[in-house]
């Protein structure tokens, strides 16, 4: 069964940066498309970034120009570089399949303060 282990979250001031990592096991990593999702308090989980194939990426309008998704097939790891963080980026961040999410991991909490 696929498993997701997210890390790298924390407390950061607005304007700061964080880099999230997600190690994925139990799946053929290299042939799948992966996404980063987030869920803020009282809101639905949303897809913020996805990486398809080797280099095709897409990010939501709310994070465009600030977040970058990448993958390392040798390490079965997906990354999310988050720059110029805003208060509204506060959420629990998860990784999963880009199109059809499976069982969710624990996620990693990102809290942006003023």
C-alpha atoms as a PDB file:
ATOM      1  CA  UNK A   1       0.000   0.000   0.000  1.00  0.00           C
ATOM      2  CA  UNK A   2       1.245   3.466  -0.853  1.00  0.00           C
ATOM      3  CA  UNK A   3       2.496   5.559   2.055  1.00  0.00           C
ATOM      4  CA  UNK A   4       3.294   9.266   2.246  1.00  0.00           C
ATOM      5  CA  UNK A   5       5.614  10.811   4.817  1.00  0.00           C
ATOM      6  CA  UNK A   6       5.599  14.609   4.732  1.00  0.00           C
ATOM      7  CA  UNK A   7       8.102  16.802   6.555  1.00  0.00           C
ATOM      8  CA  UNK A   8       9.606  20.263   6.578  1.00  0.00           C
ATOM      9  CA  UNK A   9       6.754  22.323   7.928  1.00  0.00           C
ATOM     10  CA  UNK A  10       7.065  24.783  10.769  1.00  0.00           C
ATOM     11  CA  UNK A  11       6.504  28.296  12.000  1.00  0.00           C
ATOM     12  CA  UNK A  12       7.671  31.073   9.712  1.00  0.00           C
ATOM     13  CA  UNK A  13       7.139  34.792   9.398  1.00  0.00           C
ATOM     14  CA  UNK A  14       5.330  36.241   6.433  1.00  0.00           C
ATOM     15  CA  UNK A  15       7.747  36.666   3.554  1.00  0.00           C
ATOM     16  CA  UNK A  16       9.821  33.707   4.643  1.00  0.00           C
ATOM     17  CA  UNK A  17      10.470  30.360   2.981  1.00  0.00           C
ATOM     18  CA  UNK A  18      10.077  26.678   3.705  1.00  0.00           C
ATOM     19  CA  UNK A  19      10.869  23.536   1.775  1.00  0.00           C
ATOM     20  CA  UNK A  20       8.572  20.578   2.233  1.00  0.00           C
ATOM     21  CA  UNK A  21       9.557  17.003   1.449  1.00  0.00           C
ATOM     22  CA  UNK A  22       7.431  13.954   0.866  1.00  0.00           C
ATOM     23  CA  UNK A  23       8.879  10.457   0.742  1.00  0.00           C
ATOM     24  CA  UNK A  24       6.599   8.033  -1.066  1.00  0.00           C
ATOM     25  CA  UNK A  25       6.745   4.270  -0.734  1.00  0.00           C
ATOM     26  CA  UNK A  26       4.636   1.390  -1.990  1.00  0.00           C
ATOM     27  CA  UNK A  27       4.157   2.845  -5.449  1.00  0.00           C
ATOM     28  CA  UNK A  28       6.079   2.979  -8.694  1.00  0.00           C
ATOM     29  CA  UNK A  29       7.220   6.505  -8.049  1.00  0.00           C
ATOM     30  CA  UNK A  30       8.744   7.378 -11.392  1.00  0.00           C
ATOM     31  CA  UNK A  31       5.686   6.677 -13.540  1.00  0.00           C
ATOM     32  CA  UNK A  32       3.135   8.470 -11.405  1.00  0.00           C
ATOM     33  CA  UNK A  33       2.068  12.074 -11.150  1.00  0.00           C
ATOM     34  CA  UNK A  34       2.246  13.688  -7.745  1.00  0.00           C
ATOM     35  CA  UNK A  35       0.676  16.637  -6.061  1.00  0.00           C
ATOM     36  CA  UNK A  36       0.878  18.777  -2.975  1.00  0.00           C
ATOM     37  CA  UNK A  37      -2.390  19.559  -1.276  1.00  0.00           C
ATOM     38  CA  UNK A  38      -3.258  21.717   1.678  1.00  0.00           C
ATOM     39  CA  UNK A  39      -6.118  22.064   4.110  1.00  0.00           C
ATOM     40  CA  UNK A  40      -6.613  25.207   6.106  1.00  0.00           C
ATOM     41  CA  UNK A  41      -8.819  25.271   9.209  1.00  0.00           C
ATOM     42  CA  UNK A  42     -12.482  25.164   8.248  1.00  0.00           C
ATOM     43  CA  UNK A  43     -11.729  24.765   4.558  1.00  0.00           C
ATOM     44  CA  UNK A  44     -11.685  21.907   2.096  1.00  0.00           C
ATOM     45  CA  UNK A  45      -8.468  20.280   1.023  1.00  0.00           C
ATOM     46  CA  UNK A  46      -7.145  21.765  -2.199  1.00  0.00           C
ATOM     47  CA  UNK A  47      -4.485  20.868  -4.736  1.00  0.00           C
ATOM     48  CA  UNK A  48      -1.819  23.577  -4.871  1.00  0.00           C
ATOM     49  CA  UNK A  49       0.852  22.039  -7.089  1.00  0.00           C
ATOM     50  CA  UNK A  50       1.393  19.005  -9.253  1.00  0.00           C
ATOM     51  CA  UNK A  51       4.245  17.463 -11.193  1.00  0.00           C
ATOM     52  CA  UNK A  52       3.524  15.231 -14.178  1.00  0.00           C
ATOM     53  CA  UNK A  53       6.123  13.155 -15.924  1.00  0.00           C
ATOM     54  CA  UNK A  54       9.621  14.441 -15.455  1.00  0.00           C
ATOM     55  CA  UNK A  55       9.260  18.180 -15.657  1.00  0.00           C
ATOM     56  CA  UNK A  56       5.705  19.295 -16.324  1.00  0.00           C
ATOM     57  CA  UNK A  57       4.461  21.253 -13.348  1.00  0.00           C
ATOM     58  CA  UNK A  58       1.389  23.245 -12.522  1.00  0.00           C
ATOM     59  CA  UNK A  59       0.512  25.385  -9.521  1.00  0.00           C
ATOM     60  CA  UNK A  60      -2.705  27.011  -8.435  1.00  0.00           C
ATOM     61  CA  UNK A  61      -3.234  30.708  -9.027  1.00  0.00           C
ATOM     62  CA  UNK A  62      -3.045  31.407  -5.300  1.00  0.00           C
ATOM     63  CA  UNK A  63       0.581  30.269  -5.112  1.00  0.00           C
ATOM     64  CA  UNK A  64       1.793  31.015  -8.605  1.00  0.00           C
ATOM     65  CA  UNK A  65       5.184  32.692  -8.621  1.00  0.00           C
ATOM     66  CA  UNK A  66       5.823  31.678  -5.011  1.00  0.00           C
ATOM     67  CA  UNK A  67       5.663  27.861  -4.840  1.00  0.00           C
ATOM     68  CA  UNK A  68       7.673  25.400  -6.899  1.00  0.00           C
ATOM     69  CA  UNK A  69       7.138  21.655  -7.023  1.00  0.00           C
ATOM     70  CA  UNK A  70       9.849  19.199  -8.011  1.00  0.00           C
ATOM     71  CA  UNK A  71      10.590  15.506  -7.805  1.00  0.00           C
ATOM     72  CA  UNK A  72      13.612  13.263  -7.333  1.00  0.00           C
ATOM     73  CA  UNK A  73      12.918   9.847  -8.798  1.00  0.00           C
ATOM     74  CA  UNK A  74      16.098   8.409  -7.288  1.00  0.00           C
ATOM     75  CA  UNK A  75      14.878   9.302  -3.788  1.00  0.00           C
ATOM     76  CA  UNK A  76      11.144   8.682  -4.312  1.00  0.00           C
ATOM     77  CA  UNK A  77      10.649  12.196  -3.015  1.00  0.00           C
ATOM     78  CA  UNK A  78       8.530  15.160  -4.012  1.00  0.00           C
ATOM     79  CA  UNK A  79       9.420  18.656  -2.851  1.00  0.00           C
ATOM     80  CA  UNK A  80       7.524  21.892  -2.459  1.00  0.00           C
ATOM     81  CA  UNK A  81       9.613  25.028  -2.259  1.00  0.00           C
ATOM     82  CA  UNK A  82       7.524  27.806  -0.744  1.00  0.00           C
ATOM     83  CA  UNK A  83       8.794  31.371  -0.941  1.00  0.00           C
ATOM     84  CA  UNK A  84       7.292  34.691   0.060  1.00  0.00           C
ATOM     85  CA  UNK A  85       4.861  32.928   2.356  1.00  0.00           C
ATOM     86  CA  UNK A  86       1.638  34.680   3.268  1.00  0.00           C
ATOM     87  CA  UNK A  87      -0.686  34.364   6.243  1.00  0.00           C
ATOM     88  CA  UNK A  88      -3.220  32.579   4.042  1.00  0.00           C
ATOM     89  CA  UNK A  89      -0.717  29.809   3.318  1.00  0.00           C
ATOM     90  CA  UNK A  90      -1.213  28.530   6.859  1.00  0.00           C
ATOM     91  CA  UNK A  91      -2.475  24.964   6.539  1.00  0.00           C
ATOM     92  CA  UNK A  92      -1.596  21.320   6.850  1.00  0.00           C
ATOM     93  CA  UNK A  93       0.207  20.235   3.692  1.00  0.00           C
ATOM     94  CA  UNK A  94      -0.084  16.757   2.225  1.00  0.00           C
ATOM     95  CA  UNK A  95       1.268  14.968  -0.801  1.00  0.00           C
ATOM     96  CA  UNK A  96      -0.609  12.363  -2.815  1.00  0.00           C
ATOM     97  CA  UNK A  97      -1.372  11.234  -6.346  1.00  0.00           C
ATOM     98  CA  UNK A  98      -2.075  14.268  -8.497  1.00  0.00           C
ATOM     99  CA  UNK A  99      -5.338  13.016 -10.025  1.00  0.00           C
ATOM    100  CA  UNK A 100      -6.836  10.398  -7.727  1.00  0.00           C
ATOM    101  CA  UNK A 101      -5.693  10.849  -4.142  1.00  0.00           C
ATOM    102  CA  UNK A 102      -5.274   7.687  -2.130  1.00  0.00           C
ATOM    103  CA  UNK A 103      -4.941   7.236   1.623  1.00  0.00           C
ATOM    104  CA  UNK A 104      -3.581  10.400   3.242  1.00  0.00           C
ATOM    105  CA  UNK A 105      -0.442  10.703   5.319  1.00  0.00           C
ATOM    106  CA  UNK A 106      -0.091  12.754   8.490  1.00  0.00           C
ATOM    107  CA  UNK A 107       0.742  15.914   6.654  1.00  0.00           C
ATOM    108  CA  UNK A 108       3.030  18.674   7.840  1.00  0.00           C
ATOM    109  CA  UNK A 109       1.820  21.854   9.502  1.00  0.00           C
ATOM    110  CA  UNK A 110       2.830  25.204   8.037  1.00  0.00           C
ATOM    111  CA  UNK A 111       2.038  28.255  10.123  1.00  0.00           C
ATOM    112  CA  UNK A 112       2.773  31.727   8.788  1.00  0.00           C
ATOM    113  CA  UNK A 113       2.822  34.583  11.280  1.00  0.00           C
ATOM    114  CA  UNK A 114       2.822  38.317  10.821  1.00  0.00           C
END
